[in-house]
C-alpha atoms as a PDB file:
ATOM      1  CA  UNK A   1     -16.784 -66.085  20.972  1.00  0.00           C
ATOM      2  CA  UNK A   2     -19.542 -63.510  21.270  1.00  0.00           C
ATOM      3  CA  UNK A   3     -21.846 -63.235  24.235  1.00  0.00           C
ATOM      4  CA  UNK A   4     -25.102 -65.199  24.149  1.00  0.00           C
ATOM      5  CA  UNK A   5     -28.389 -63.330  24.518  1.00  0.00           C
ATOM      6  CA  UNK A   6     -31.179 -65.919  24.919  1.00  0.00           C
ATOM      7  CA  UNK A   7     -34.619 -64.697  23.834  1.00  0.00           C
ATOM      8  CA  UNK A   8     -33.163 -61.765  21.890  1.00  0.00           C
ATOM      9  CA  UNK A   9     -33.251 -61.183  18.131  1.00  0.00           C
ATOM     10  CA  UNK A  10     -30.177 -59.408  16.789  1.00  0.00           C
ATOM     11  CA  UNK A  11     -29.162 -57.518  13.672  1.00  0.00           C
ATOM     12  CA  UNK A  12     -25.505 -56.631  13.045  1.00  0.00           C
ATOM     13  CA  UNK A  13     -24.102 -54.309  10.414  1.00  0.00           C
ATOM     14  CA  UNK A  14     -20.398 -53.716   9.743  1.00  0.00           C
ATOM     15  CA  UNK A  15     -19.704 -49.982   9.451  1.00  0.00           C
ATOM     16  CA  UNK A  16     -16.059 -50.077   8.376  1.00  0.00           C
ATOM     17  CA  UNK A  17     -12.729 -51.839   8.684  1.00  0.00           C
ATOM     18  CA  UNK A  18     -11.376 -55.142   7.406  1.00  0.00           C
ATOM     19  CA  UNK A  19     -13.609 -58.061   6.561  1.00  0.00           C
ATOM     20  CA  UNK A  20     -15.489 -59.635   9.452  1.00  0.00           C
ATOM     21  CA  UNK A  21     -16.761 -63.207   9.411  1.00  0.00           C
ATOM     22  CA  UNK A  22     -19.426 -64.301  11.900  1.00  0.00           C
ATOM     23  CA  UNK A  23     -19.622 -68.052  12.271  1.00  0.00           C
ATOM     24  CA  UNK A  24     -23.171 -68.692  13.478  1.00  0.00           C
ATOM     25  CA  UNK A  25     -23.874 -72.233  14.683  1.00  0.00           C
ATOM     26  CA  UNK A  26     -20.930 -73.455  12.604  1.00  0.00           C
ATOM     27  CA  UNK A  27     -21.882 -71.637   9.368  1.00  0.00           C
ATOM     28  CA  UNK A  28     -19.539 -68.782   8.280  1.00  0.00           C
ATOM     29  CA  UNK A  29     -21.209 -65.522   7.220  1.00  0.00           C
ATOM     30  CA  UNK A  30     -18.926 -62.926   5.675  1.00  0.00           C
ATOM     31  CA  UNK A  31     -20.338 -59.499   6.506  1.00  0.00           C
ATOM     32  CA  UNK A  32     -20.721 -57.148   3.583  1.00  0.00           C
ATOM     33  CA  UNK A  33     -20.074 -53.529   4.573  1.00  0.00           C
ATOM     34  CA  UNK A  34     -23.320 -51.712   5.411  1.00  0.00           C
ATOM     35  CA  UNK A  35     -25.466 -54.832   4.815  1.00  0.00           C
ATOM     36  CA  UNK A  36     -27.367 -56.089   7.869  1.00  0.00           C
ATOM     37  CA  UNK A  37     -27.313 -59.695   9.049  1.00  0.00           C
ATOM     38  CA  UNK A  38     -30.032 -60.954  11.415  1.00  0.00           C
ATOM     39  CA  UNK A  39     -29.615 -63.883  13.819  1.00  0.00           C
ATOM     40  CA  UNK A  40     -30.965 -65.226  17.105  1.00  0.00           C
ATOM     41  CA  UNK A  41     -29.156 -64.090  20.247  1.00  0.00           C
ATOM     42  CA  UNK A  42     -28.848 -67.584  21.724  1.00  0.00           C
ATOM     43  CA  UNK A  43     -26.921 -69.006  18.760  1.00  0.00           C
ATOM     44  CA  UNK A  44     -23.251 -69.898  19.059  1.00  0.00           C
ATOM     45  CA  UNK A  45     -21.373 -67.006  17.410  1.00  0.00           C
ATOM     46  CA  UNK A  46     -17.656 -66.622  16.719  1.00  0.00           C
ATOM     47  CA  UNK A  47     -16.313 -63.418  15.128  1.00  0.00           C
ATOM     48  CA  UNK A  48     -13.133 -63.447  13.074  1.00  0.00           C
ATOM     49  CA  UNK A  49     -11.578 -60.173  11.951  1.00  0.00           C
ATOM     50  CA  UNK A  50      -8.142 -58.750  11.273  1.00  0.00           C
ATOM     51  CA  UNK A  51      -7.122 -57.528  14.722  1.00  0.00           C
ATOM     52  CA  UNK A  52      -4.371 -55.226  13.405  1.00  0.00           C
ATOM     53  CA  UNK A  53      -6.829 -52.678  11.999  1.00  0.00           C
ATOM     54  CA  UNK A  54     -10.058 -52.147  13.948  1.00  0.00           C
ATOM     55  CA  UNK A  55     -13.457 -52.896  12.464  1.00  0.00           C
ATOM     56  CA  UNK A  56     -16.581 -51.152  13.722  1.00  0.00           C
ATOM     57  CA  UNK A  57     -20.051 -52.633  13.725  1.00  0.00           C
ATOM     58  CA  UNK A  58     -23.518 -51.692  14.881  1.00  0.00           C
ATOM     59  CA  UNK A  59     -25.800 -54.097  16.766  1.00  0.00           C
ATOM     60  CA  UNK A  60     -29.535 -53.799  17.316  1.00  0.00           C
ATOM     61  CA  UNK A  61     -31.092 -56.209  19.806  1.00  0.00           C
ATOM     62  CA  UNK A  62     -34.781 -56.656  20.661  1.00  0.00           C
ATOM     63  CA  UNK A  63     -36.625 -58.985  23.017  1.00  0.00           C
ATOM     64  CA  UNK A  64     -38.205 -61.714  20.896  1.00  0.00           C
ATOM     65  CA  UNK A  65     -41.994 -61.710  20.962  1.00  0.00           C
ATOM     66  CA  UNK A  66     -42.108 -58.001  21.846  1.00  0.00           C
ATOM     67  CA  UNK A  67     -40.241 -56.265  18.995  1.00  0.00           C
ATOM     68  CA  UNK A  68     -38.753 -57.168  15.630  1.00  0.00           C
ATOM     69  CA  UNK A  69     -35.438 -55.382  14.910  1.00  0.00           C
ATOM     70  CA  UNK A  70     -34.701 -53.918  11.485  1.00  0.00           C
ATOM     71  CA  UNK A  71     -31.821 -52.032   9.870  1.00  0.00           C
ATOM     72  CA  UNK A  72     -31.493 -50.642   6.383  1.00  0.00           C
ATOM     73  CA  UNK A  73     -29.168 -48.336   4.506  1.00  0.00           C
ATOM     74  CA  UNK A  74     -30.810 -45.246   3.007  1.00  0.00           C
ATOM     75  CA  UNK A  75     -29.094 -43.039   0.457  1.00  0.00           C
ATOM     76  CA  UNK A  76     -30.797 -39.786  -0.517  1.00  0.00           C
ATOM     77  CA  UNK A  77     -30.255 -37.489  -3.457  1.00  0.00           C
ATOM     78  CA  UNK A  78     -30.453 -33.703  -3.175  1.00  0.00           C
ATOM     79  CA  UNK A  79     -34.068 -32.642  -2.708  1.00  0.00           C
ATOM     80  CA  UNK A  80     -35.297 -36.217  -2.275  1.00  0.00           C
ATOM     81  CA  UNK A  81     -37.505 -36.954   0.737  1.00  0.00           C
ATOM     82  CA  UNK A  82     -38.713 -40.205   2.301  1.00  0.00           C
ATOM     83  CA  UNK A  83     -41.302 -40.774   5.011  1.00  0.00           C
ATOM     84  CA  UNK A  84     -40.794 -43.149   7.942  1.00  0.00           C
ATOM     85  CA  UNK A  85     -42.517 -44.182  11.130  1.00  0.00           C
ATOM     86  CA  UNK A  86     -46.069 -43.848  12.270  1.00  0.00           C
ATOM     87  CA  UNK A  87     -47.988 -42.838  15.341  1.00  0.00           C
ATOM     88  CA  UNK A  88     -46.441 -44.198  18.555  1.00  0.00           C
ATOM     89  CA  UNK A  89     -43.220 -45.218  16.797  1.00  0.00           C
ATOM     90  CA  UNK A  90     -39.556 -44.426  17.308  1.00  0.00           C
ATOM     91  CA  UNK A  91     -37.145 -44.335  14.386  1.00  0.00           C
ATOM     92  CA  UNK A  92     -33.405 -43.870  14.646  1.00  0.00           C
ATOM     93  CA  UNK A  93     -31.039 -42.669  11.927  1.00  0.00           C
ATOM     94  CA  UNK A  94     -27.244 -43.011  12.026  1.00  0.00           C
ATOM     95  CA  UNK A  95     -25.473 -40.630   9.612  1.00  0.00           C
ATOM     96  CA  UNK A  96     -22.709 -42.210   7.533  1.00  0.00           C
ATOM     97  CA  UNK A  97     -21.573 -39.018   5.801  1.00  0.00           C
ATOM     98  CA  UNK A  98     -21.742 -35.283   6.471  1.00  0.00           C
ATOM     99  CA  UNK A  99     -25.080 -33.809   5.427  1.00  0.00           C
ATOM    100  CA  UNK A 100     -27.785 -31.433   6.533  1.00  0.00           C
ATOM    101  CA  UNK A 101     -31.148 -32.846   7.498  1.00  0.00           C
ATOM    102  CA  UNK A 102     -33.837 -30.411   6.357  1.00  0.00           C
ATOM    103  CA  UNK A 103     -37.059 -31.826   7.804  1.00  0.00           C
ATOM    104  CA  UNK A 104     -38.440 -32.113  10.462  1.00  0.00           C
ATOM    105  CA  UNK A 105     -35.664 -29.915  11.852  1.00  0.00           C
ATOM    106  CA  UNK A 106     -32.743 -28.323   9.983  1.00  0.00           C
ATOM    107  CA  UNK A 107     -29.735 -30.033  11.528  1.00  0.00           C
ATOM    108  CA  UNK A 108     -26.126 -30.447  10.370  1.00  0.00           C
ATOM    109  CA  UNK A 109     -24.964 -34.043  10.778  1.00  0.00           C
ATOM    110  CA  UNK A 110     -21.491 -35.541  10.849  1.00  0.00           C
ATOM    111  CA  UNK A 111     -20.627 -39.209  10.344  1.00  0.00           C
ATOM    112  CA  UNK A 112     -21.888 -41.365  13.252  1.00  0.00           C
ATOM    113  CA  UNK A 113     -24.304 -38.687  14.522  1.00  0.00           C
ATOM    114  CA  UNK A 114     -27.461 -40.407  15.733  1.00  0.00           C
ATOM    115  CA  UNK A 115     -30.969 -38.964  15.610  1.00  0.00           C
ATOM    116  CA  UNK A 116     -33.979 -40.535  17.349  1.00  0.00           C
ATOM    117  CA  UNK A 117     -37.403 -39.411  16.131  1.00  0.00           C
ATOM    118  CA  UNK A 118     -40.863 -40.055  17.501  1.00  0.00           C
ATOM    119  CA  UNK A 119     -43.942 -40.415  15.307  1.00  0.00           C
ATOM    120  CA  UNK A 120     -44.020 -39.869  11.557  1.00  0.00           C
ATOM    121  CA  UNK A 121     -40.911 -38.219  10.121  1.00  0.00           C
ATOM    122  CA  UNK A 122     -39.819 -37.135   6.656  1.00  0.00           C
ATOM    123  CA  UNK A 123     -36.111 -37.541   5.975  1.00  0.00           C
ATOM    124  CA  UNK A 124     -34.694 -35.076   3.478  1.00  0.00           C
ATOM    125  CA  UNK A 125     -31.270 -33.549   2.954  1.00  0.00           C
ATOM    126  CA  UNK A 126     -29.728 -30.638   1.153  1.00  0.00           C
ATOM    127  CA  UNK A 127     -27.139 -32.504  -0.837  1.00  0.00           C
ATOM    128  CA  UNK A 128     -26.720 -36.254  -0.722  1.00  0.00           C
ATOM    129  CA  UNK A 129     -27.318 -38.210   2.465  1.00  0.00           C
ATOM    130  CA  UNK A 130     -26.256 -41.664   3.602  1.00  0.00           C
ATOM    131  CA  UNK A 131     -27.905 -43.181   6.682  1.00  0.00           C
ATOM    132  CA  UNK A 132     -28.600 -46.400   8.505  1.00  0.00           C
ATOM    133  CA  UNK A 133     -32.205 -46.588   9.735  1.00  0.00           C
ATOM    134  CA  UNK A 134     -32.726 -48.619  12.877  1.00  0.00           C
ATOM    135  CA  UNK A 135     -36.231 -49.624  13.817  1.00  0.00           C
ATOM    136  CA  UNK A 136     -38.129 -51.989  16.047  1.00  0.00           C
ATOM    137  CA  UNK A 137     -41.720 -52.868  15.315  1.00  0.00           C
ATOM    138  CA  UNK A 138     -43.936 -54.103  18.114  1.00  0.00           C
ATOM    139  CA  UNK A 139     -45.356 -57.606  17.806  1.00  0.00           C
ATOM    140  CA  UNK A 140     -49.132 -57.795  18.003  1.00  0.00           C
ATOM    141  CA  UNK A 141     -50.478 -60.528  20.258  1.00  0.00           C
END
């Protein structure tokens, strides 16, 4: 069984390893590699995975009513750029493959390197890039 987090919205994404199945309130959900699955933190969750070979996953949790969590996979081609974020926003990128980020700052990245940016950012790479973008948008009252 997984820990309960009442009042929290969660998103999980399997990074690698053997198949993982999350049974959420009695309904099995087979995780597809690098495809996010959202669920409420207070639900009854059981995780089944092959325990001989480790599986790695990424969780993003946000307090319900304050932020809405989001994850997406982004693949870039050489020379391609994409804009993210806005004023007063934080955006986080997790590299899945070696690449060089070219803007806003030239930075070599290895798999599982994490970059947190503030404000608008343009993601571009020299060569191909493969990332997971994590975000949390504030809820307006």
